Protein backbone atom coordinates (compact mmCIF):
# COMPACT_ATOMS: atom_id res chain seq x y z
CA MET A 1 13.17 -27.89 -19.17
CA SER A 2 14.00 -29.41 -22.56
CA THR A 3 16.53 -28.03 -25.03
CA ASN A 4 16.53 -28.14 -28.82
CA VAL A 5 18.45 -26.16 -31.41
CA ILE A 6 16.33 -25.10 -34.39
CA ASN A 7 17.77 -23.81 -37.67
CA VAL A 8 15.44 -21.33 -39.40
CA PHE A 9 15.64 -19.78 -42.85
CA CYS A 10 13.57 -17.58 -45.11
CA GLN A 11 14.06 -15.99 -48.52
CA LEU A 12 11.62 -13.34 -49.73
CA ASN A 13 11.72 -12.08 -53.32
CA TYR A 14 9.98 -8.88 -54.45
CA THR A 15 9.56 -6.77 -57.55
CA ILE A 16 9.47 -3.11 -56.53
CA VAL A 17 7.63 -0.68 -58.81
CA GLU A 18 7.91 2.51 -56.75
CA PRO A 19 10.17 3.38 -53.78
CA THR A 20 8.87 1.25 -50.92
CA SER A 21 9.41 1.12 -47.16
CA PHE A 22 9.57 -2.39 -45.73
CA VAL A 23 9.21 -3.66 -42.16
CA PHE A 24 9.88 -7.37 -41.69
CA SER A 25 9.19 -9.47 -38.59
CA ILE A 26 11.15 -12.58 -39.53
CA ALA A 27 13.85 -12.74 -36.85
CA PRO A 28 13.27 -14.88 -33.74
CA ALA A 29 12.50 -12.94 -30.58
CA LYS A 30 15.17 -12.78 -27.90
CA THR A 31 13.71 -14.21 -24.69
CA ASP A 32 14.78 -16.24 -21.67
CA PHE A 33 13.36 -19.31 -23.40
CA GLN A 34 15.00 -18.99 -26.80
CA GLN A 35 18.50 -17.74 -27.40
CA LEU A 36 20.16 -16.93 -30.71
CA GLN A 37 23.35 -18.86 -31.33
CA GLN A 38 23.96 -17.15 -34.67
CA GLU A 39 22.05 -15.20 -37.32
CA ALA A 40 22.70 -13.59 -40.70
CA LEU A 41 20.66 -11.16 -42.80
CA THR A 42 21.38 -10.39 -46.46
CA VAL A 43 19.48 -7.81 -48.52
CA THR A 44 20.19 -7.81 -52.27
CA PRO A 45 20.92 -5.31 -53.69
CA TYR A 46 22.72 -4.04 -50.61
CA THR A 47 20.49 -1.77 -48.54
CA PRO A 48 21.22 -0.30 -45.09
CA VAL A 49 18.79 -1.74 -42.54
CA GLU A 50 17.60 -0.67 -39.10
CA TRP A 51 16.96 -3.25 -36.37
CA VAL A 52 14.16 -2.16 -34.03
CA ASP A 53 13.35 -3.80 -30.68
CA ILE A 54 9.64 -3.58 -29.89
CA GLY A 55 7.25 -4.46 -27.10
CA ASP A 56 7.85 -6.57 -24.02
CA TYR A 57 8.27 -9.90 -25.78
CA GLY A 58 11.77 -9.62 -27.22
CA SER A 59 10.44 -9.08 -30.74
CA ARG A 60 12.69 -7.43 -33.33
CA LEU A 61 11.83 -5.71 -36.60
CA ILE A 62 13.97 -5.18 -39.70
CA ARG A 63 13.25 -1.85 -41.38
CA PHE A 64 14.55 -0.27 -44.60
CA GLN A 65 13.60 1.54 -47.80
CA ALA A 66 14.24 0.05 -51.24
CA GLN A 67 14.25 1.51 -54.73
CA PRO A 68 12.48 0.11 -57.83
CA GLY A 69 13.84 -3.19 -59.15
CA MET A 70 14.30 -6.70 -57.82
CA LEU A 71 14.77 -7.27 -54.10
CA THR A 72 15.80 -10.38 -52.17
CA VAL A 73 15.75 -10.63 -48.38
CA GLU A 74 17.47 -13.69 -46.94
CA TYR A 75 17.58 -14.49 -43.23
CA ARG A 76 18.94 -17.50 -41.35
CA ALA A 77 19.53 -18.26 -37.68
CA SER A 78 20.19 -21.01 -35.17
CA VAL A 79 18.01 -20.79 -32.08
CA GLN A 80 18.34 -22.71 -28.85
CA LEU A 81 14.91 -23.42 -27.37
CA MET A 82 14.49 -23.93 -23.64
CA PRO A 83 10.72 -24.17 -23.06
CA VAL A 84 9.27 -25.08 -19.68
CA LEU A 85 7.39 -28.38 -19.77
CA MET A 86 4.65 -28.86 -17.17
CA PRO A 87 2.03 -31.51 -16.38
CA ALA A 88 -1.17 -30.25 -17.97
CA ALA A 89 -3.73 -31.50 -15.46
CA PRO A 90 -3.07 -29.09 -12.55
CA LEU A 91 -3.12 -25.91 -14.68
CA GLU A 92 -6.16 -23.84 -13.72
CA GLU A 93 -7.97 -20.84 -15.14
CA ILE A 94 -7.54 -17.62 -13.18
CA GLN A 95 -10.52 -15.64 -11.92
CA PHE A 96 -10.92 -12.21 -13.52
CA SER A 97 -10.46 -10.41 -10.18
CA ALA A 98 -7.06 -12.07 -9.70
CA LEU A 99 -5.62 -11.27 -13.14
CA SER A 100 -2.84 -8.68 -13.27
CA ALA A 101 -3.40 -5.54 -15.34
CA ASP A 102 -0.98 -6.59 -18.10
CA ILE A 103 -3.04 -9.74 -18.77
CA LEU A 104 -6.45 -8.04 -19.02
CA PRO A 105 -6.08 -6.78 -22.64
CA TYR A 106 -5.99 -10.40 -23.82
CA LEU A 107 -9.60 -10.86 -22.71
CA ASN A 108 -10.85 -8.08 -24.99
CA PRO A 109 -12.18 -8.48 -28.53
CA SER A 110 -9.66 -7.49 -31.21
CA ARG A 111 -9.60 -6.94 -34.97
CA TYR A 112 -9.56 -10.63 -35.90
CA CYS A 113 -10.84 -12.18 -32.66
CA GLU A 114 -14.42 -11.00 -32.14
CA ALA A 115 -14.91 -12.64 -28.76
CA ASP A 116 -17.88 -10.40 -27.96
CA ARG A 117 -19.82 -11.94 -30.88
CA LEU A 118 -19.02 -15.55 -29.99
CA GLY A 119 -19.93 -15.72 -26.31
CA ARG A 120 -23.19 -17.65 -26.71
CA PHE A 121 -21.64 -20.18 -29.06
CA ALA A 122 -18.56 -20.62 -26.86
CA PHE A 123 -20.55 -21.23 -23.68
CA LYS A 124 -22.86 -23.67 -25.43
CA GLU A 125 -19.92 -25.73 -26.70
CA PHE A 126 -17.41 -25.38 -23.85
CA GLY A 127 -19.13 -23.74 -20.88
CA GLN A 128 -19.89 -27.01 -19.07
CA LEU A 129 -16.43 -28.52 -19.52
CA PRO A 130 -14.00 -28.77 -16.58
CA MET A 131 -12.10 -25.51 -16.31
CA GLY A 132 -8.37 -25.35 -16.90
CA TYR A 133 -5.87 -26.64 -19.44
CA ALA A 134 -8.25 -29.36 -20.58
CA ARG A 135 -10.89 -26.80 -21.59
CA VAL A 136 -8.40 -24.82 -23.70
CA GLN A 137 -7.27 -28.05 -25.32
CA ALA A 138 -10.93 -28.88 -25.99
CA VAL A 139 -11.27 -25.52 -27.78
CA ALA A 140 -8.23 -26.28 -29.94
CA ASP A 141 -9.51 -29.80 -30.62
CA TRP A 142 -12.94 -28.47 -31.65
CA VAL A 143 -11.36 -26.03 -34.11
CA TYR A 144 -9.18 -28.82 -35.50
CA HIS A 145 -12.14 -31.15 -36.05
CA ASN A 146 -14.64 -28.58 -37.33
CA ILE A 147 -12.58 -26.20 -39.48
CA ASP A 148 -11.02 -27.38 -42.75
CA TYR A 149 -7.41 -26.35 -43.33
CA LEU A 150 -7.82 -24.86 -46.80
CA PRO A 151 -5.18 -22.49 -48.24
CA GLY A 152 -6.73 -19.60 -50.13
CA SER A 153 -10.06 -19.84 -48.30
CA THR A 154 -9.50 -16.61 -46.33
CA ASP A 155 -7.75 -13.29 -46.84
CA ALA A 156 -6.36 -10.40 -44.80
CA SER A 157 -9.87 -9.21 -43.90
CA SER A 158 -11.14 -12.56 -42.53
CA GLY A 159 -11.85 -12.71 -38.81
CA ALA A 160 -12.83 -15.49 -36.42
CA CYS A 161 -16.55 -15.10 -37.18
CA ASP A 162 -15.90 -15.48 -40.92
CA VAL A 163 -13.91 -18.64 -40.27
CA LEU A 164 -16.63 -20.10 -38.05
CA ILE A 165 -19.30 -19.42 -40.70
CA GLN A 166 -17.40 -20.84 -43.66
CA ARG A 167 -15.69 -23.60 -41.63
CA ALA A 168 -12.35 -23.19 -43.44
CA GLY A 169 -9.12 -21.26 -43.02
CA VAL A 170 -5.35 -21.42 -42.57
CA CYS A 171 -3.12 -21.44 -39.49
CA ARG A 172 -3.76 -17.82 -38.47
CA ASP A 173 -7.52 -18.42 -38.78
CA PHE A 174 -7.34 -21.52 -36.59
CA ALA A 175 -5.49 -19.45 -34.00
CA HIS A 176 -7.90 -16.51 -34.24
CA LEU A 177 -10.98 -18.67 -33.72
CA SER A 178 -9.37 -20.48 -30.79
CA ILE A 179 -8.37 -17.17 -29.21
CA ALA A 180 -11.86 -15.72 -29.66
CA PHE A 181 -13.47 -18.77 -28.01
CA CYS A 182 -11.03 -18.63 -25.08
CA ARG A 183 -11.62 -14.92 -24.49
CA ALA A 184 -15.38 -15.44 -24.68
CA LEU A 185 -14.98 -18.01 -21.89
CA GLY A 186 -12.93 -15.60 -19.76
CA ILE A 187 -9.56 -17.20 -20.55
CA PRO A 188 -6.85 -14.71 -21.63
CA ALA A 189 -5.45 -15.73 -25.01
CA ARG A 190 -3.11 -14.17 -27.57
CA TYR A 191 -1.59 -14.75 -31.00
CA VAL A 192 1.97 -15.92 -31.68
CA ALA A 193 3.75 -15.90 -35.04
CA GLY A 194 6.82 -18.00 -35.62
CA TYR A 195 8.70 -20.81 -37.28
CA ALA A 196 7.58 -24.42 -36.86
CA PRO A 197 9.82 -27.44 -37.52
CA GLU A 198 8.09 -30.35 -39.31
CA LEU A 199 5.42 -28.04 -40.76
CA ASN A 200 4.39 -29.33 -44.18
CA PRO A 201 4.42 -27.45 -46.46
CA PRO A 202 7.04 -25.23 -44.79
CA ASP A 203 5.83 -21.69 -44.10
CA PHE A 204 5.61 -19.11 -41.36
CA HIS A 205 3.16 -20.37 -38.75
CA GLY A 206 0.46 -18.82 -36.55
CA PHE A 207 -0.55 -20.39 -33.22
CA PHE A 208 -1.76 -19.17 -29.82
CA GLU A 209 -1.15 -18.99 -26.10
CA ALA A 210 -3.58 -19.17 -23.20
CA TYR A 211 -2.91 -17.85 -19.70
CA LEU A 212 -3.29 -20.56 -17.06
CA GLY A 213 -1.91 -20.60 -13.53
CA ASP A 214 0.81 -17.98 -13.68
CA LYS A 215 2.17 -18.64 -17.20
CA TRP A 216 1.31 -18.50 -20.90
CA TYR A 217 1.02 -21.95 -22.52
CA LEU A 218 1.29 -22.75 -26.22
CA PHE A 219 -1.47 -24.40 -28.28
CA ASP A 220 -1.89 -25.11 -31.99
CA ALA A 221 -5.33 -25.97 -33.33
CA THR A 222 -3.91 -27.06 -36.70
CA LYS A 223 -1.89 -29.90 -35.12
CA LEU A 224 0.51 -29.58 -38.06
CA ALA A 225 3.72 -29.40 -36.02
CA PRO A 226 4.98 -30.20 -32.50
CA VAL A 227 4.44 -27.27 -30.15
CA SER A 228 7.74 -27.86 -28.32
CA GLY A 229 9.65 -26.82 -31.46
CA PHE A 230 7.91 -23.49 -32.11
CA VAL A 231 10.26 -20.53 -32.51
CA ARG A 232 8.61 -17.27 -31.42
CA ILE A 233 8.89 -14.25 -33.73
CA GLY A 234 6.02 -11.95 -32.72
CA THR A 235 3.32 -11.86 -30.03
CA GLY A 236 0.13 -9.81 -29.94
CA ARG A 237 -3.63 -9.59 -29.63
CA ASP A 238 -3.99 -11.13 -33.09
CA ALA A 239 -2.16 -11.30 -36.43
CA ALA A 240 -2.50 -7.54 -36.88
CA ASP A 241 0.13 -7.17 -34.14
CA ALA A 242 2.47 -9.80 -35.56
CA SER A 243 2.55 -9.44 -39.33
CA PHE A 244 5.60 -10.97 -41.04
CA ALA A 245 5.83 -8.14 -43.57
CA THR A 246 4.46 -4.60 -43.77
CA LEU A 247 5.16 -2.31 -46.71
CA VAL A 248 4.29 1.21 -47.78
CA GLY A 249 4.76 1.81 -51.48
CA GLU A 250 4.27 -0.40 -54.50
CA ALA A 251 5.87 -3.84 -54.54
CA ALA A 252 4.78 -7.41 -55.25
CA MET A 253 6.08 -10.62 -53.69
CA ASP A 254 7.36 -12.98 -56.39
CA SER A 255 8.23 -15.95 -54.20
CA MET A 256 8.89 -17.04 -50.64
CA VAL A 257 10.86 -19.91 -49.14
CA VAL A 258 10.64 -20.74 -45.42
CA SER A 259 12.20 -23.62 -43.50
CA ALA A 260 12.74 -24.73 -39.91
CA ALA A 261 14.36 -27.94 -38.70
CA THR A 262 16.18 -29.33 -35.69
CA ALA A 263 19.96 -28.98 -35.95
CA SER A 264 20.26 -32.71 -35.27
CA GLY A 265 17.90 -33.57 -38.11
CA GLU A 266 15.78 -35.62 -35.72
CA SER A 267 12.05 -35.27 -35.16
CA LEU A 268 10.84 -33.57 -32.02
CA PRO A 269 9.31 -35.92 -29.44
CA ASP A 270 5.75 -35.52 -28.21
CA ASN A 271 6.28 -34.27 -24.66
CA GLY A 272 2.69 -35.02 -23.67
CA GLY A 273 2.43 -31.99 -21.39
CA ALA A 274 1.98 -28.23 -21.38
CA VAL A 275 4.63 -26.05 -23.02
CA SER A 276 5.46 -22.50 -21.88
CA SER A 277 7.97 -20.24 -23.63
CA ALA A 278 7.06 -16.75 -22.35
CA THR A 279 8.05 -14.80 -19.26
CA GLN A 280 5.16 -12.34 -19.53
């Protein structure tokens, strides 16, 4: 098990036209593999907030209502990461009949991961590859080499099939296509939203996990940041379950600043193995 301390920060600025309810998923999850050393939230102008624990993954939401005017949400935290590092080679895919009930939903198609429409393509590209960690990595590598990372090329309605057709997307699209391919192959896979040190330009990041052996292992088809430094915020079937911000009302985002870096200021080493940071 390796240990790193990651400092994360975000500042979100809005202009509110009508009274608006906000739900933010910007705080790191509390899990056995990442522990908060300190955190601070500031909402300007001052607004009472509600912290809501959700799901089985330690995720936390920040919820409040704001009145018309300017709004700034600023969050910072220091997070100690303690991921499990494993040799990749022995990690095997699990037969459907042996999967526990809580894993089965991550084989199903979802809003942005239309695995049922990509089965033929997935088996043609990856069906003959050796099963296990190497096949999931081959999926991520294929997405990296065949999809252009192009900001602005997709929107909130774009799913994995759209990304495959137009061959362009951003981090969440890379994750969605990888997840859809894995599910089409019978490999449980799910979406993770978080912070990523060394990501350039800095932003919130979307990546994915695949279930191999008896654990979930992290993958990132963008290859924009080292997986061992990822700070988990939300986990779900796809990005619909792990949105950074949800609002009901009328408000527009004016600007956003996001950063994540090791407390030491040093780059994260390439561990060369499989990284797990989830208990379930």
